[in-house]
Amino acid sequence: MEFATWLTLFAACWAISLSPGAGAVAAMSAGLSHGFKRGYFMTFGLILGILTQVLFVSAGLGALIAASETAFAVIKWAGVAYLIWLGVQQWRAPAKPMAAASDDGGAPVTRRQLVLRGWGINAVNPKGTVFLLAVVPQFLDLSAPMGPQYLVIAGTLGFTDLVVMGGYTALAARVLAALKSAHHIRVMNRVFGSLFVVAGVLLASFKPHS
């Protein structure tokens, strides 16, 4: 991949990462509930989900999902159900103060669980697959080996998400640190829970090639 092409890709990846979506909500939710140090593990899962999407697209599975209404519907509704489930979990989360939520000894959600949740949000997202199918070909040189080019694309997407989602997590953690009552924390939990449900509803309305 030529350097000028990569610079364009780099700019596009920042725009993709900064755009609001389920990943941003998940990162902020993790920062809100667990603080930055623990919540940042959600970002690792989100990046693994992106890498899974790139792997699917590079293997041709993305094209199959985009072409098959049945396959697309199955993955779409799995993603919808998962986002709504996360929303309900966040809505029902206990209104714990910052110290209790980030304490390694008593945290109800492990780092591994955060990674798996983040992976599920981005990996089971057909909108991401179709989006990659639309964007990735613009940066590929068909006369050159595909493998190294996909690695560059995946690495660039991963890097920008590592920075941006870390910023979202830190921002939410700072907001949480400023909260003074269980009522405030409960309200924030319900706001983020509702955002997850909204993301699920928006995903339900998504159609390929639209």
Protein backbone atom coordinates (compact mmCIF):
# COMPACT_ATOMS: atom_id res chain seq x y z
CA MET A 1 0.00 0.00 0.00
CA GLU A 2 1.41 3.39 -1.01
CA PHE A 3 1.98 5.95 1.73
CA ALA A 4 -0.48 8.44 0.22
CA THR A 5 -3.16 5.74 0.13
CA TRP A 6 -2.42 4.82 3.74
CA LEU A 7 -2.74 8.46 4.84
CA THR A 8 -6.23 8.54 3.31
CA LEU A 9 -7.03 5.27 5.07
CA PHE A 10 -5.66 6.68 8.34
CA ALA A 11 -7.95 9.72 8.10
CA ALA A 12 -10.94 7.52 7.27
CA CYS A 13 -10.21 5.27 10.27
CA TRP A 14 -10.25 8.25 12.62
CA ALA A 15 -13.62 9.32 11.23
CA ILE A 16 -14.96 5.76 11.63
CA SER A 17 -13.69 5.45 15.21
CA LEU A 18 -14.95 8.89 16.29
CA SER A 19 -18.43 8.41 14.87
CA PRO A 20 -21.01 7.59 17.58
CA GLY A 21 -22.12 3.98 17.68
CA ALA A 22 -22.49 0.89 19.83
CA GLY A 23 -18.72 0.71 20.37
CA ALA A 24 -18.54 4.25 21.76
CA VAL A 25 -21.52 3.55 24.02
CA ALA A 26 -19.87 0.34 25.24
CA ALA A 27 -16.57 2.09 25.99
CA MET A 28 -18.28 4.89 27.91
CA SER A 29 -20.49 2.41 29.74
CA ALA A 30 -17.42 0.43 30.84
CA GLY A 31 -15.68 3.58 32.03
CA LEU A 32 -18.82 4.65 33.86
CA SER A 33 -19.28 1.33 35.65
CA HIS A 34 -15.68 0.24 36.29
CA GLY A 35 -13.36 3.22 35.96
CA PHE A 36 -10.62 3.59 33.36
CA LYS A 37 -8.16 0.85 34.38
CA ARG A 38 -10.73 -1.94 34.33
CA GLY A 39 -13.12 -0.43 31.77
CA TYR A 40 -10.36 -0.12 29.15
CA PHE A 41 -10.47 -3.90 28.71
CA MET A 42 -13.76 -3.34 26.85
CA THR A 43 -11.72 -1.50 24.21
CA PHE A 44 -9.50 -4.56 23.70
CA GLY A 45 -12.63 -6.60 23.01
CA LEU A 46 -13.98 -3.98 20.61
CA ILE A 47 -10.71 -4.10 18.67
CA LEU A 48 -10.79 -7.91 18.56
CA GLY A 49 -14.30 -7.59 17.13
CA ILE A 50 -13.04 -5.25 14.41
CA LEU A 51 -10.22 -7.66 13.58
CA THR A 52 -12.79 -10.46 13.36
CA GLN A 53 -14.81 -8.38 10.91
CA VAL A 54 -11.74 -7.71 8.77
CA LEU A 55 -10.92 -11.42 8.83
CA PHE A 56 -14.46 -12.27 7.67
CA VAL A 57 -14.30 -9.72 4.86
CA SER A 58 -10.84 -10.81 3.73
CA ALA A 59 -11.97 -14.44 3.69
CA GLY A 60 -15.00 -13.62 1.56
CA LEU A 61 -17.54 -14.36 4.28
CA GLY A 62 -18.53 -10.71 4.36
CA ALA A 63 -19.57 -10.88 0.70
CA LEU A 64 -21.58 -14.02 1.42
CA ILE A 65 -23.40 -12.33 4.32
CA ALA A 66 -24.08 -9.24 2.22
CA ALA A 67 -25.45 -11.36 -0.63
CA SER A 68 -27.52 -13.77 1.46
CA GLU A 69 -30.62 -12.27 3.07
CA THR A 70 -30.95 -15.22 5.43
CA ALA A 71 -27.34 -15.06 6.67
CA PHE A 72 -27.55 -11.29 7.01
CA ALA A 73 -30.83 -11.52 8.96
CA VAL A 74 -29.48 -14.15 11.37
CA ILE A 75 -26.38 -12.12 12.23
CA LYS A 76 -28.30 -8.86 12.35
CA TRP A 77 -30.89 -10.11 14.82
CA ALA A 78 -28.20 -11.76 16.94
CA GLY A 79 -26.52 -8.36 17.15
CA VAL A 80 -29.83 -6.64 17.97
CA ALA A 81 -30.56 -9.11 20.77
CA TYR A 82 -27.05 -8.74 22.18
CA LEU A 83 -27.17 -4.94 22.28
CA ILE A 84 -30.60 -4.93 23.93
CA TRP A 85 -29.40 -7.50 26.47
CA LEU A 86 -26.45 -5.25 27.31
CA GLY A 87 -28.85 -2.33 27.66
CA VAL A 88 -31.04 -4.22 30.12
CA GLN A 89 -27.95 -5.29 32.10
CA GLN A 90 -26.72 -1.70 32.27
CA TRP A 91 -30.18 -0.41 33.23
CA ARG A 92 -30.34 -2.89 36.11
CA ALA A 93 -26.74 -2.37 37.25
CA PRO A 94 -26.39 -1.50 40.94
CA ALA A 95 -25.69 2.16 41.73
CA LYS A 96 -22.27 1.51 43.25
CA PRO A 97 -19.83 4.32 44.01
CA MET A 98 -16.59 4.54 42.02
CA ALA A 99 -14.43 2.78 44.62
CA ALA A 100 -16.70 -0.25 44.80
CA ALA A 101 -17.14 -0.56 41.04
CA SER A 102 -13.41 -0.51 40.30
CA ASP A 103 -12.25 -2.64 43.20
CA ASP A 104 -10.47 -5.75 41.91
CA GLY A 105 -11.68 -7.88 44.78
CA GLY A 106 -15.39 -7.30 44.45
CA ALA A 107 -16.10 -6.28 40.87
CA PRO A 108 -19.01 -8.29 39.45
CA VAL A 109 -17.65 -8.13 35.89
CA THR A 110 -14.19 -9.52 35.17
CA ARG A 111 -11.72 -8.15 32.65
CA ARG A 112 -12.24 -11.25 30.53
CA GLN A 113 -15.99 -10.65 30.51
CA LEU A 114 -15.44 -7.06 29.42
CA VAL A 115 -13.22 -8.22 26.57
CA LEU A 116 -15.82 -10.79 25.47
CA ARG A 117 -18.62 -8.21 25.61
CA GLY A 118 -16.61 -5.78 23.51
CA TRP A 119 -15.81 -8.52 21.00
CA GLY A 120 -19.48 -9.47 20.75
CA ILE A 121 -20.57 -5.89 20.07
CA ASN A 122 -18.27 -5.41 17.07
CA ALA A 123 -18.01 -8.99 15.77
CA VAL A 124 -21.78 -9.63 15.61
CA ASN A 125 -22.54 -6.47 13.68
CA PRO A 126 -23.53 -6.93 10.03
CA LYS A 127 -23.51 -3.17 9.54
CA GLY A 128 -19.78 -3.27 10.23
CA THR A 129 -19.33 -6.10 7.71
CA VAL A 130 -21.21 -4.29 4.97
CA PHE A 131 -19.41 -1.05 5.81
CA LEU A 132 -16.02 -2.73 5.50
CA LEU A 133 -17.10 -4.26 2.21
CA ALA A 134 -17.91 -0.78 0.94
CA VAL A 135 -14.78 0.95 2.28
CA VAL A 136 -11.94 -1.60 2.17
CA PRO A 137 -11.86 -2.12 -1.63
CA GLN A 138 -11.10 1.58 -2.09
CA PHE A 139 -7.70 1.09 -0.45
CA LEU A 140 -6.70 -2.23 -2.03
CA ASP A 141 -4.21 -2.62 -4.85
CA LEU A 142 -5.55 -5.67 -6.69
CA SER A 143 -2.19 -6.23 -8.39
CA ALA A 144 -0.42 -6.65 -5.04
CA PRO A 145 -0.74 -9.43 -2.43
CA MET A 146 -3.95 -9.01 -0.42
CA GLY A 147 -2.73 -10.37 2.92
CA PRO A 148 -0.30 -7.56 3.82
CA GLN A 149 -2.84 -4.94 2.74
CA TYR A 150 -5.55 -6.41 4.99
CA LEU A 151 -3.04 -6.46 7.86
CA VAL A 152 -2.35 -2.75 7.33
CA ILE A 153 -6.06 -1.96 7.25
CA ALA A 154 -6.74 -4.03 10.37
CA GLY A 155 -3.78 -2.51 12.22
CA THR A 156 -4.81 1.04 11.33
CA LEU A 157 -8.41 0.48 12.40
CA GLY A 158 -7.21 -1.15 15.61
CA PHE A 159 -4.86 1.71 16.45
CA THR A 160 -7.42 4.46 15.98
CA ASP A 161 -9.99 2.54 18.03
CA LEU A 162 -7.40 1.94 20.76
CA VAL A 163 -6.98 5.71 21.11
CA VAL A 164 -10.56 6.86 20.54
CA MET A 165 -12.30 4.24 22.69
CA GLY A 166 -9.71 4.84 25.40
CA GLY A 167 -10.70 8.51 25.29
CA TYR A 168 -14.39 7.63 25.60
CA THR A 169 -13.61 5.32 28.53
CA ALA A 170 -11.53 7.96 30.32
CA LEU A 171 -14.19 10.61 29.77
CA ALA A 172 -16.89 8.43 31.30
CA ALA A 173 -14.63 7.45 34.20
CA ARG A 174 -14.04 11.12 35.00
CA VAL A 175 -17.78 11.77 34.89
CA LEU A 176 -18.31 8.87 37.28
CA ALA A 177 -15.66 10.17 39.67
CA ALA A 178 -17.58 13.47 39.87
CA LEU A 179 -20.85 11.77 40.79
CA LYS A 180 -21.74 12.20 44.45
CA SER A 181 -24.80 10.02 44.99
CA ALA A 182 -26.25 6.62 44.16
CA HIS A 183 -29.13 8.43 42.44
CA HIS A 184 -26.75 10.10 39.97
CA ILE A 185 -25.04 6.79 39.20
CA ARG A 186 -28.39 5.07 38.73
CA VAL A 187 -29.48 7.79 36.28
CA MET A 188 -26.23 7.42 34.31
CA ASN A 189 -26.60 3.64 34.21
CA ARG A 190 -30.08 4.01 32.79
CA VAL A 191 -28.94 6.58 30.24
CA PHE A 192 -26.27 4.23 28.91
CA GLY A 193 -28.64 1.26 29.12
CA SER A 194 -31.12 3.18 27.00
CA LEU A 195 -28.39 4.07 24.50
CA PHE A 196 -27.57 0.37 24.06
CA VAL A 197 -31.25 -0.35 23.36
CA VAL A 198 -31.38 2.54 20.87
CA ALA A 199 -28.28 1.15 19.15
CA GLY A 200 -30.04 -2.22 18.92
CA VAL A 201 -33.15 -0.62 17.42
CA LEU A 202 -31.05 1.27 14.87
CA LEU A 203 -29.27 -1.96 13.95
CA ALA A 204 -32.65 -3.66 13.52
CA SER A 205 -33.58 -1.02 10.93
CA PHE A 206 -30.32 -1.40 9.01
CA LYS A 207 -30.52 -2.97 5.56
CA PRO A 208 -27.60 -3.86 3.28
CA HIS A 209 -26.88 -1.65 0.30
CA SER A 210 -29.02 1.14 1.83
